[in-house]
Amino acid sequence: MKRLFNKLIRWTYREWAFHNISNQAQFEKLNEEIAELRKKPNDVMEYADVLMCVFILADRNFISYRKLKKAFRKKLKININRKWVKDSKGVNQHI
């Protein structure tokens, strides 16, 4: 995954369409991709689009793949040890 992350970041810096895009604009792109994923939850390519947007945002905010991986492991451990319940909308929430 680290190689893919680095390849994505190198590509975004080469591709003119990604130069000088604000965080806000990239968040808007992420929201668009999430909306597409909601429409096609069985389309693995939509998941890939969402991940790409997240990785680009992380890089733009000086968060490396290594930091993401470390945070992911830490957060997973935290979440495993939490108690979870469904709220009135059926969404899982930790208590």
PDB file of N, CA and C in Angstrom:
ATOM      1  N   MET A   1       0.828  -1.192   0.000  1.00  0.00           N
ATOM      2  CA  MET A   1       0.000   0.000   0.000  1.00  0.00           C
ATOM      3  C   MET A   1       0.874   1.257   0.000  1.00  0.00           C
ATOM      4  N   LYS A   2       2.012   1.199   0.659  1.00  0.00           N
ATOM      5  CA  LYS A   2       2.883   2.373   0.695  1.00  0.00           C
ATOM      6  C   LYS A   2       3.318   2.776  -0.710  1.00  0.00           C
ATOM      7  N   ARG A   3       3.631   1.801  -1.553  1.00  0.00           N
ATOM      8  CA  ARG A   3       4.028   2.114  -2.930  1.00  0.00           C
ATOM      9  C   ARG A   3       2.900   2.800  -3.687  1.00  0.00           C
ATOM     10  N   LEU A   4       1.686   2.304  -3.493  1.00  0.00           N
ATOM     11  CA  LEU A   4       0.536   2.932  -4.156  1.00  0.00           C
ATOM     12  C   LEU A   4       0.330   4.363  -3.658  1.00  0.00           C
ATOM     13  N   PHE A   5       0.458   4.558  -2.362  1.00  0.00           N
ATOM     14  CA  PHE A   5       0.326   5.889  -1.779  1.00  0.00           C
ATOM     15  C   PHE A   5       1.351   6.831  -2.411  1.00  0.00           C
ATOM     16  N   ASN A   6       2.607   6.401  -2.448  1.00  0.00           N
ATOM     17  CA  ASN A   6       3.668   7.242  -3.007  1.00  0.00           C
ATOM     18  C   ASN A   6       3.467   7.500  -4.494  1.00  0.00           C
ATOM     19  N   LYS A   7       3.014   6.494  -5.235  1.00  0.00           N
ATOM     20  CA  LYS A   7       2.749   6.664  -6.670  1.00  0.00           C
ATOM     21  C   LYS A   7       1.627   7.687  -6.882  1.00  0.00           C
ATOM     22  N   LEU A   8       0.578   7.597  -6.083  1.00  0.00           N
ATOM     23  CA  LEU A   8      -0.526   8.543  -6.167  1.00  0.00           C
ATOM     24  C   LEU A   8      -0.038   9.958  -5.912  1.00  0.00           C
ATOM     25  N   ILE A   9       0.749  10.141  -4.879  1.00  0.00           N
ATOM     26  CA  ILE A   9       1.222  11.472  -4.530  1.00  0.00           C
ATOM     27  C   ILE A   9       2.123  12.027  -5.637  1.00  0.00           C
ATOM     28  N   ARG A  10       3.028  11.205  -6.152  1.00  0.00           N
ATOM     29  CA  ARG A  10       3.890  11.659  -7.262  1.00  0.00           C
ATOM     30  C   ARG A  10       3.048  12.065  -8.462  1.00  0.00           C
ATOM     31  N   TRP A  11       2.027  11.281  -8.787  1.00  0.00           N
ATOM     32  CA  TRP A  11       1.163  11.587  -9.916  1.00  0.00           C
ATOM     33  C   TRP A  11       0.434  12.916  -9.717  1.00  0.00           C
ATOM     34  N   THR A  12      -0.089  13.162  -8.508  1.00  0.00           N
ATOM     35  CA  THR A  12      -0.825  14.411  -8.275  1.00  0.00           C
ATOM     36  C   THR A  12       0.076  15.620  -8.427  1.00  0.00           C
ATOM     37  N   TYR A  13       1.354  15.475  -8.098  1.00  0.00           N
ATOM     38  CA  TYR A  13       2.261  16.615  -8.255  1.00  0.00           C
ATOM     39  C   TYR A  13       2.644  16.830  -9.713  1.00  0.00           C
ATOM     40  N   ARG A  14       2.589  15.789 -10.528  1.00  0.00           N
ATOM     41  CA  ARG A  14       2.881  15.925 -11.963  1.00  0.00           C
ATOM     42  C   ARG A  14       1.669  16.425 -12.736  1.00  0.00           C
ATOM     43  N   GLU A  15       0.505  16.062 -12.312  1.00  0.00           N
ATOM     44  CA  GLU A  15      -0.730  16.362 -13.045  1.00  0.00           C
ATOM     45  C   GLU A  15      -1.160  17.801 -12.793  1.00  0.00           C
ATOM     46  N   TRP A  16      -1.278  18.594 -13.832  1.00  0.00           N
ATOM     47  CA  TRP A  16      -1.593  20.018 -13.688  1.00  0.00           C
ATOM     48  C   TRP A  16      -2.900  20.275 -12.954  1.00  0.00           C
ATOM     49  N   ALA A  17      -3.881  19.390 -13.110  1.00  0.00           N
ATOM     50  CA  ALA A  17      -5.198  19.605 -12.506  1.00  0.00           C
ATOM     51  C   ALA A  17      -5.162  19.578 -10.984  1.00  0.00           C
ATOM     52  N   PHE A  18      -4.106  19.033 -10.409  1.00  0.00           N
ATOM     53  CA  PHE A  18      -4.032  18.933  -8.949  1.00  0.00           C
ATOM     54  C   PHE A  18      -3.182  20.025  -8.307  1.00  0.00           C
ATOM     55  N   HIS A  19      -2.531  20.847  -9.133  1.00  0.00           N
ATOM     56  CA  HIS A  19      -1.694  21.911  -8.579  1.00  0.00           C
ATOM     57  C   HIS A  19      -2.549  23.021  -7.986  1.00  0.00           C
ATOM     58  N   ASN A  20      -2.112  23.542  -6.883  1.00  0.00           N
ATOM     59  CA  ASN A  20      -2.737  24.700  -6.239  1.00  0.00           C
ATOM     60  C   ASN A  20      -4.220  24.517  -5.940  1.00  0.00           C
ATOM     61  N   ILE A  21      -4.606  23.325  -5.560  1.00  0.00           N
ATOM     62  CA  ILE A  21      -5.987  23.077  -5.143  1.00  0.00           C
ATOM     63  C   ILE A  21      -6.034  23.205  -3.614  1.00  0.00           C
ATOM     64  N   SER A  22      -6.987  23.953  -3.139  1.00  0.00           N
ATOM     65  CA  SER A  22      -7.098  24.161  -1.695  1.00  0.00           C
ATOM     66  C   SER A  22      -7.601  22.906  -0.998  1.00  0.00           C
ATOM     67  N   ASN A  23      -7.372  22.859   0.296  1.00  0.00           N
ATOM     68  CA  ASN A  23      -7.934  21.767   1.087  1.00  0.00           C
ATOM     69  C   ASN A  23      -9.453  21.722   0.930  1.00  0.00           C
ATOM     70  N   GLN A  24     -10.081  22.902   0.932  1.00  0.00           N
ATOM     71  CA  GLN A  24     -11.538  22.959   0.814  1.00  0.00           C
ATOM     72  C   GLN A  24     -12.003  22.322  -0.494  1.00  0.00           C
ATOM     73  N   ALA A  25     -11.302  22.624  -1.587  1.00  0.00           N
ATOM     74  CA  ALA A  25     -11.657  22.039  -2.878  1.00  0.00           C
ATOM     75  C   ALA A  25     -11.466  20.525  -2.859  1.00  0.00           C
ATOM     76  N   GLN A  26     -10.401  20.071  -2.212  1.00  0.00           N
ATOM     77  CA  GLN A  26     -10.164  18.623  -2.143  1.00  0.00           C
ATOM     78  C   GLN A  26     -11.214  17.945  -1.269  1.00  0.00           C
ATOM     79  N   PHE A  27     -11.665  18.620  -0.206  1.00  0.00           N
ATOM     80  CA  PHE A  27     -12.757  18.070   0.604  1.00  0.00           C
ATOM     81  C   PHE A  27     -14.050  17.995  -0.212  1.00  0.00           C
ATOM     82  N   GLU A  28     -14.278  18.981  -1.064  1.00  0.00           N
ATOM     83  CA  GLU A  28     -15.455  18.937  -1.933  1.00  0.00           C
ATOM     84  C   GLU A  28     -15.377  17.728  -2.869  1.00  0.00           C
ATOM     85  N   LYS A  29     -14.183  17.475  -3.406  1.00  0.00           N
ATOM     86  CA  LYS A  29     -13.994  16.312  -4.265  1.00  0.00           C
ATOM     87  C   LYS A  29     -14.258  15.027  -3.478  1.00  0.00           C
ATOM     88  N   LEU A  30     -13.765  14.971  -2.249  1.00  0.00           N
ATOM     89  CA  LEU A  30     -14.017  13.813  -1.396  1.00  0.00           C
ATOM     90  C   LEU A  30     -15.519  13.618  -1.190  1.00  0.00           C
ATOM     91  N   ASN A  31     -16.235  14.701  -0.923  1.00  0.00           N
ATOM     92  CA  ASN A  31     -17.685  14.609  -0.742  1.00  0.00           C
ATOM     93  C   ASN A  31     -18.375  14.078  -2.000  1.00  0.00           C
ATOM     94  N   GLU A  32     -17.912  14.517  -3.168  1.00  0.00           N
ATOM     95  CA  GLU A  32     -18.477  14.016  -4.434  1.00  0.00           C
ATOM     96  C   GLU A  32     -18.246  12.514  -4.566  1.00  0.00           C
ATOM     97  N   GLU A  33     -17.032  12.086  -4.231  1.00  0.00           N
ATOM     98  CA  GLU A  33     -16.710  10.663  -4.345  1.00  0.00           C
ATOM     99  C   GLU A  33     -17.505   9.827  -3.344  1.00  0.00           C
ATOM    100  N   ILE A  34     -17.721  10.361  -2.154  1.00  0.00           N
ATOM    101  CA  ILE A  34     -18.541   9.650  -1.164  1.00  0.00           C
ATOM    102  C   ILE A  34     -19.977   9.541  -1.656  1.00  0.00           C
ATOM    103  N   ALA A  35     -20.487  10.598  -2.281  1.00  0.00           N
ATOM    104  CA  ALA A  35     -21.847  10.551  -2.837  1.00  0.00           C
ATOM    105  C   ALA A  35     -21.947   9.476  -3.917  1.00  0.00           C
ATOM    106  N   GLU A  36     -20.920   9.371  -4.757  1.00  0.00           N
ATOM    107  CA  GLU A  36     -20.914   8.332  -5.790  1.00  0.00           C
ATOM    108  C   GLU A  36     -20.861   6.940  -5.152  1.00  0.00           C
ATOM    109  N   LEU A  37     -20.080   6.803  -4.097  1.00  0.00           N
ATOM    110  CA  LEU A  37     -19.988   5.528  -3.389  1.00  0.00           C
ATOM    111  C   LEU A  37     -21.335   5.134  -2.785  1.00  0.00           C
ATOM    112  N   ARG A  38     -22.054   6.102  -2.253  1.00  0.00           N
ATOM    113  CA  ARG A  38     -23.388   5.817  -1.689  1.00  0.00           C
ATOM    114  C   ARG A  38     -24.332   5.278  -2.763  1.00  0.00           C
ATOM    115  N   LYS A  39     -24.183   5.792  -3.980  1.00  0.00           N
ATOM    116  CA  LYS A  39     -25.037   5.334  -5.086  1.00  0.00           C
ATOM    117  C   LYS A  39     -24.635   3.953  -5.586  1.00  0.00           C
ATOM    118  N   LYS A  40     -23.339   3.637  -5.462  1.00  0.00           N
ATOM    119  CA  LYS A  40     -22.827   2.362  -5.983  1.00  0.00           C
ATOM    120  C   LYS A  40     -21.969   1.666  -4.923  1.00  0.00           C
ATOM    121  N   PRO A  41     -22.595   1.204  -3.828  1.00  0.00           N
ATOM    122  CA  PRO A  41     -21.811   0.623  -2.732  1.00  0.00           C
ATOM    123  C   PRO A  41     -21.116  -0.697  -3.058  1.00  0.00           C
ATOM    124  N   ASN A  42     -21.434  -1.293  -4.176  1.00  0.00           N
ATOM    125  CA  ASN A  42     -20.774  -2.543  -4.567  1.00  0.00           C
ATOM    126  C   ASN A  42     -19.671  -2.328  -5.598  1.00  0.00           C
ATOM    127  N   ASP A  43     -19.389  -1.079  -5.924  1.00  0.00           N
ATOM    128  CA  ASP A  43     -18.380  -0.759  -6.924  1.00  0.00           C
ATOM    129  C   ASP A  43     -17.037  -0.466  -6.242  1.00  0.00           C
ATOM    130  N   VAL A  44     -16.134  -1.393  -6.345  1.00  0.00           N
ATOM    131  CA  VAL A  44     -14.842  -1.270  -5.674  1.00  0.00           C
ATOM    132  C   VAL A  44     -14.066  -0.034  -6.160  1.00  0.00           C
ATOM    133  N   MET A  45     -14.303   0.389  -7.391  1.00  0.00           N
ATOM    134  CA  MET A  45     -13.608   1.560  -7.916  1.00  0.00           C
ATOM    135  C   MET A  45     -14.013   2.834  -7.171  1.00  0.00           C
ATOM    136  N   GLU A  46     -15.238   2.879  -6.686  1.00  0.00           N
ATOM    137  CA  GLU A  46     -15.671   4.045  -5.909  1.00  0.00           C
ATOM    138  C   GLU A  46     -14.952   4.098  -4.560  1.00  0.00           C
ATOM    139  N   TYR A  47     -14.702   2.940  -3.979  1.00  0.00           N
ATOM    140  CA  TYR A  47     -13.919   2.900  -2.736  1.00  0.00           C
ATOM    141  C   TYR A  47     -12.506   3.410  -3.005  1.00  0.00           C
ATOM    142  N   ALA A  48     -11.948   3.015  -4.132  1.00  0.00           N
ATOM    143  CA  ALA A  48     -10.604   3.461  -4.493  1.00  0.00           C
ATOM    144  C   ALA A  48     -10.569   4.977  -4.658  1.00  0.00           C
ATOM    145  N   ASP A  49     -11.597   5.557  -5.291  1.00  0.00           N
ATOM    146  CA  ASP A  49     -11.656   7.017  -5.445  1.00  0.00           C
ATOM    147  C   ASP A  49     -11.660   7.720  -4.094  1.00  0.00           C
ATOM    148  N   VAL A  50     -12.456   7.197  -3.157  1.00  0.00           N
ATOM    149  CA  VAL A  50     -12.530   7.803  -1.822  1.00  0.00           C
ATOM    150  C   VAL A  50     -11.159   7.725  -1.137  1.00  0.00           C
ATOM    151  N   LEU A  51     -10.521   6.560  -1.209  1.00  0.00           N
ATOM    152  CA  LEU A  51      -9.195   6.414  -0.597  1.00  0.00           C
ATOM    153  C   LEU A  51      -8.192   7.372  -1.213  1.00  0.00           C
ATOM    154  N   MET A  52      -8.237   7.527  -2.530  1.00  0.00           N
ATOM    155  CA  MET A  52      -7.308   8.454  -3.185  1.00  0.00           C
ATOM    156  C   MET A  52      -7.497   9.870  -2.663  1.00  0.00           C
ATOM    157  N   CYS A  53      -8.729  10.296  -2.531  1.00  0.00           N
ATOM    158  CA  CYS A  53      -8.991  11.644  -2.016  1.00  0.00           C
ATOM    159  C   CYS A  53      -8.461  11.804  -0.591  1.00  0.00           C
ATOM    160  N   VAL A  54      -8.668  10.803   0.233  1.00  0.00           N
ATOM    161  CA  VAL A  54      -8.181  10.857   1.614  1.00  0.00           C
ATOM    162  C   VAL A  54      -6.653  10.917   1.634  1.00  0.00           C
ATOM    163  N   PHE A  55      -6.007  10.087   0.823  1.00  0.00           N
ATOM    164  CA  PHE A  55      -4.541  10.083   0.781  1.00  0.00           C
ATOM    165  C   PHE A  55      -3.993  11.415   0.282  1.00  0.00           C
ATOM    166  N   ILE A  56      -4.634  12.003  -0.723  1.00  0.00           N
ATOM    167  CA  ILE A  56      -4.184  13.304  -1.231  1.00  0.00           C
ATOM    168  C   ILE A  56      -4.322  14.368  -0.149  1.00  0.00           C
ATOM    169  N   LEU A  57      -5.448  14.364   0.558  1.00  0.00           N
ATOM    170  CA  LEU A  57      -5.637  15.323   1.654  1.00  0.00           C
ATOM    171  C   LEU A  57      -4.596  15.129   2.751  1.00  0.00           C
ATOM    172  N   ALA A  58      -4.327  13.897   3.093  1.00  0.00           N
ATOM    173  CA  ALA A  58      -3.317  13.632   4.123  1.00  0.00           C
ATOM    174  C   ALA A  58      -1.972  14.200   3.702  1.00  0.00           C
ATOM    175  N   ASP A  59      -1.567  13.922   2.476  1.00  0.00           N
ATOM    176  CA  ASP A  59      -0.278  14.424   1.993  1.00  0.00           C
ATOM    177  C   ASP A  59      -0.239  15.952   1.991  1.00  0.00           C
ATOM    178  N   ARG A  60      -1.300  16.582   1.560  1.00  0.00           N
ATOM    179  CA  ARG A  60      -1.347  18.049   1.519  1.00  0.00           C
ATOM    180  C   ARG A  60      -1.228  18.653   2.917  1.00  0.00           C
ATOM    181  N   ASN A  61      -1.556  17.866   3.921  1.00  0.00           N
ATOM    182  CA  ASN A  61      -1.478  18.329   5.301  1.00  0.00           C
ATOM    183  C   ASN A  61      -0.296  17.710   6.041  1.00  0.00           C
ATOM    184  N   PHE A  62       0.694  17.296   5.251  1.00  0.00           N
ATOM    185  CA  PHE A  62       1.978  16.802   5.770  1.00  0.00           C
ATOM    186  C   PHE A  62       1.838  15.546   6.632  1.00  0.00           C
ATOM    187  N   ILE A  63       0.879  14.717   6.270  1.00  0.00           N
ATOM    188  CA  ILE A  63       0.699  13.444   6.957  1.00  0.00           C
ATOM    189  C   ILE A  63       1.171  12.347   6.008  1.00  0.00           C
ATOM    190  N   SER A  64       2.251  11.712   6.380  1.00  0.00           N
ATOM    191  CA  SER A  64       2.863  10.689   5.532  1.00  0.00           C
ATOM    192  C   SER A  64       2.116   9.366   5.642  1.00  0.00           C
ATOM    193  N   TYR A  65       2.432   8.479   4.713  1.00  0.00           N
ATOM    194  CA  TYR A  65       1.862   7.132   4.767  1.00  0.00           C
ATOM    195  C   TYR A  65       2.220   6.479   6.100  1.00  0.00           C
ATOM    196  N   ARG A  66       3.451   6.657   6.532  1.00  0.00           N
ATOM    197  CA  ARG A  66       3.903   6.060   7.794  1.00  0.00           C
ATOM    198  C   ARG A  66       3.056   6.552   8.974  1.00  0.00           C
ATOM    199  N   LYS A  67       2.797   7.860   9.006  1.00  0.00           N
ATOM    200  CA  LYS A  67       1.968   8.412  10.076  1.00  0.00           C
ATOM    201  C   LYS A  67       0.536   7.874   9.998  1.00  0.00           C
ATOM    202  N   LEU A  68       0.010   7.777   8.778  1.00  0.00           N
ATOM    203  CA  LEU A  68      -1.343   7.235   8.611  1.00  0.00           C
ATOM    204  C   LEU A  68      -1.429   5.800   9.103  1.00  0.00           C
ATOM    205  N   LYS A  69      -0.444   5.004   8.728  1.00  0.00           N
ATOM    206  CA  LYS A  69      -0.428   3.599   9.126  1.00  0.00           C
ATOM    207  C   LYS A  69      -0.359   3.467  10.652  1.00  0.00           C
ATOM    208  N   LYS A  70       0.479   4.275  11.265  1.00  0.00           N
ATOM    209  CA  LYS A  70       0.623   4.239  12.720  1.00  0.00           C
ATOM    210  C   LYS A  70      -0.683   4.673  13.399  1.00  0.00           C
ATOM    211  N   ALA A  71      -1.291   5.735  12.883  1.00  0.00           N
ATOM    212  CA  ALA A  71      -2.546   6.221  13.452  1.00  0.00           C
ATOM    213  C   ALA A  71      -3.670   5.211  13.251  1.00  0.00           C
ATOM    214  N   PHE A  72      -3.682   4.558  12.089  1.00  0.00           N
ATOM    215  CA  PHE A  72      -4.703   3.548  11.812  1.00  0.00           C
ATOM    216  C   PHE A  72      -4.623   2.416  12.827  1.00  0.00           C
ATOM    217  N   ARG A  73      -3.420   1.929  13.057  1.00  0.00           N
ATOM    218  CA  ARG A  73      -3.247   0.845  14.040  1.00  0.00           C
ATOM    219  C   ARG A  73      -3.673   1.276  15.432  1.00  0.00           C
ATOM    220  N   LYS A  74      -3.266   2.489  15.813  1.00  0.00           N
ATOM    221  CA  LYS A  74      -3.606   3.009  17.137  1.00  0.00           C
ATOM    222  C   LYS A  74      -5.125   3.176  17.277  1.00  0.00           C
ATOM    223  N   LYS A  75      -5.748   3.748  16.260  1.00  0.00           N
ATOM    224  CA  LYS A  75      -7.189   3.986  16.315  1.00  0.00           C
ATOM    225  C   LYS A  75      -7.970   2.679  16.299  1.00  0.00           C
ATOM    226  N   LEU A  76      -7.495   1.705  15.531  1.00  0.00           N
ATOM    227  CA  LEU A  76      -8.152   0.400  15.517  1.00  0.00           C
ATOM    228  C   LEU A  76      -8.131  -0.224  16.907  1.00  0.00           C
ATOM    229  N   LYS A  77      -6.987  -0.145  17.570  1.00  0.00           N
ATOM    230  CA  LYS A  77      -6.862  -0.689  18.920  1.00  0.00           C
ATOM    231  C   LYS A  77      -7.826   0.024  19.878  1.00  0.00           C
ATOM    232  N   ILE A  78      -7.902   1.345  19.763  1.00  0.00           N
ATOM    233  CA  ILE A  78      -8.824   2.122  20.599  1.00  0.00           C
ATOM    234  C   ILE A  78     -10.262   1.685  20.338  1.00  0.00           C
ATOM    235  N   ASN A  79     -10.628   1.594  19.056  1.00  0.00           N
ATOM    236  CA  ASN A  79     -12.011   1.243  18.708  1.00  0.00           C
ATOM    237  C   ASN A  79     -12.382  -0.172  19.122  1.00  0.00           C
ATOM    238  N   ILE A  80     -11.433  -1.086  19.038  1.00  0.00           N
ATOM    239  CA  ILE A  80     -11.697  -2.463  19.466  1.00  0.00           C
ATOM    240  C   ILE A  80     -12.037  -2.500  20.951  1.00  0.00           C
ATOM    241  N   ASN A  81     -11.415  -1.626  21.716  1.00  0.00           N
ATOM    242  CA  ASN A  81     -11.611  -1.623  23.167  1.00  0.00           C
ATOM    243  C   ASN A  81     -12.780  -0.755  23.632  1.00  0.00           C
ATOM    244  N   ARG A  82     -13.462  -0.116  22.712  1.00  0.00           N
ATOM    245  CA  ARG A  82     -14.619   0.709  23.071  1.00  0.00           C
ATOM    246  C   ARG A  82     -15.892  -0.128  23.078  1.00  0.00           C
ATOM    247  N   LYS A  83     -16.876   0.387  23.795  1.00  0.00           N
ATOM    248  CA  LYS A  83     -18.207  -0.210  23.759  1.00  0.00           C
ATOM    249  C   LYS A  83     -19.003   0.556  22.704  1.00  0.00           C
ATOM    250  N   TRP A  84     -19.702  -0.202  21.857  1.00  0.00           N
ATOM    251  CA  TRP A  84     -20.430   0.386  20.735  1.00  0.00           C
ATOM    252  C   TRP A  84     -21.925   0.119  20.871  1.00  0.00           C
ATOM    253  N   VAL A  85     -22.732   1.113  20.514  1.00  0.00           N
ATOM    254  CA  VAL A  85     -24.187   0.986  20.480  1.00  0.00           C
ATOM    255  C   VAL A  85     -24.695   1.668  19.211  1.00  0.00           C
ATOM    256  N   LYS A  86     -25.912   1.312  18.822  1.00  0.00           N
ATOM    257  CA  LYS A  86     -26.549   1.977  17.682  1.00  0.00           C
ATOM    258  C   LYS A  86     -27.406   3.116  18.202  1.00  0.00           C
ATOM    259  N   ASP A  87     -27.305   4.262  17.533  1.00  0.00           N
ATOM    260  CA  ASP A  87     -28.151   5.390  17.918  1.00  0.00           C
ATOM    261  C   ASP A  87     -29.525   5.253  17.265  1.00  0.00           C
ATOM    262  N   SER A  88     -30.359   6.264  17.426  1.00  0.00           N
ATOM    263  CA  SER A  88     -31.735   6.205  16.923  1.00  0.00           C
ATOM    264  C   SER A  88     -31.814   6.103  15.399  1.00  0.00           C
ATOM    265  N   LYS A  89     -30.732   6.484  14.708  1.00  0.00           N
ATOM    266  CA  LYS A  89     -30.689   6.386  13.242  1.00  0.00           C
ATOM    267  C   LYS A  89     -30.072   5.073  12.770  1.00  0.00           C
ATOM    268  N   GLY A  90     -29.666   4.237  13.720  1.00  0.00           N
ATOM    269  CA  GLY A  90     -29.040   2.969  13.373  1.00  0.00           C
ATOM    270  C   GLY A  90     -27.551   3.075  13.108  1.00  0.00           C
ATOM    271  N   VAL A  91     -26.968   4.202  13.487  1.00  0.00           N
ATOM    272  CA  VAL A  91     -25.536   4.429  13.283  1.00  0.00           C
ATOM    273  C   VAL A  91     -24.767   4.002  14.524  1.00  0.00           C
ATOM    274  N   ASN A  92     -23.691   3.247  14.320  1.00  0.00           N
ATOM    275  CA  ASN A  92     -22.859   2.829  15.453  1.00  0.00           C
ATOM    276  C   ASN A  92     -22.154   4.024  16.067  1.00  0.00           C
ATOM    277  N   GLN A  93     -22.200   4.097  17.387  1.00  0.00           N
ATOM    278  CA  GLN A  93     -21.518   5.164  18.134  1.00  0.00           C
ATOM    279  C   GLN A  93     -20.813   4.536  19.326  1.00  0.00           C
ATOM    280  N   HIS A  94     -19.645   5.065  19.667  1.00  0.00           N
ATOM    281  CA  HIS A  94     -18.994   4.565  20.869  1.00  0.00           C
ATOM    282  C   HIS A  94     -19.479   5.349  22.073  1.00  0.00           C
ATOM    283  N   ILE A  95     -19.477   4.672  23.195  1.00  0.00           N
ATOM    284  CA  ILE A  95     -19.946   5.336  24.429  1.00  0.00           C
ATOM    285  C   ILE A  95     -18.841   5.314  25.462  1.00  0.00           C
TER     286      ILE A  95
END
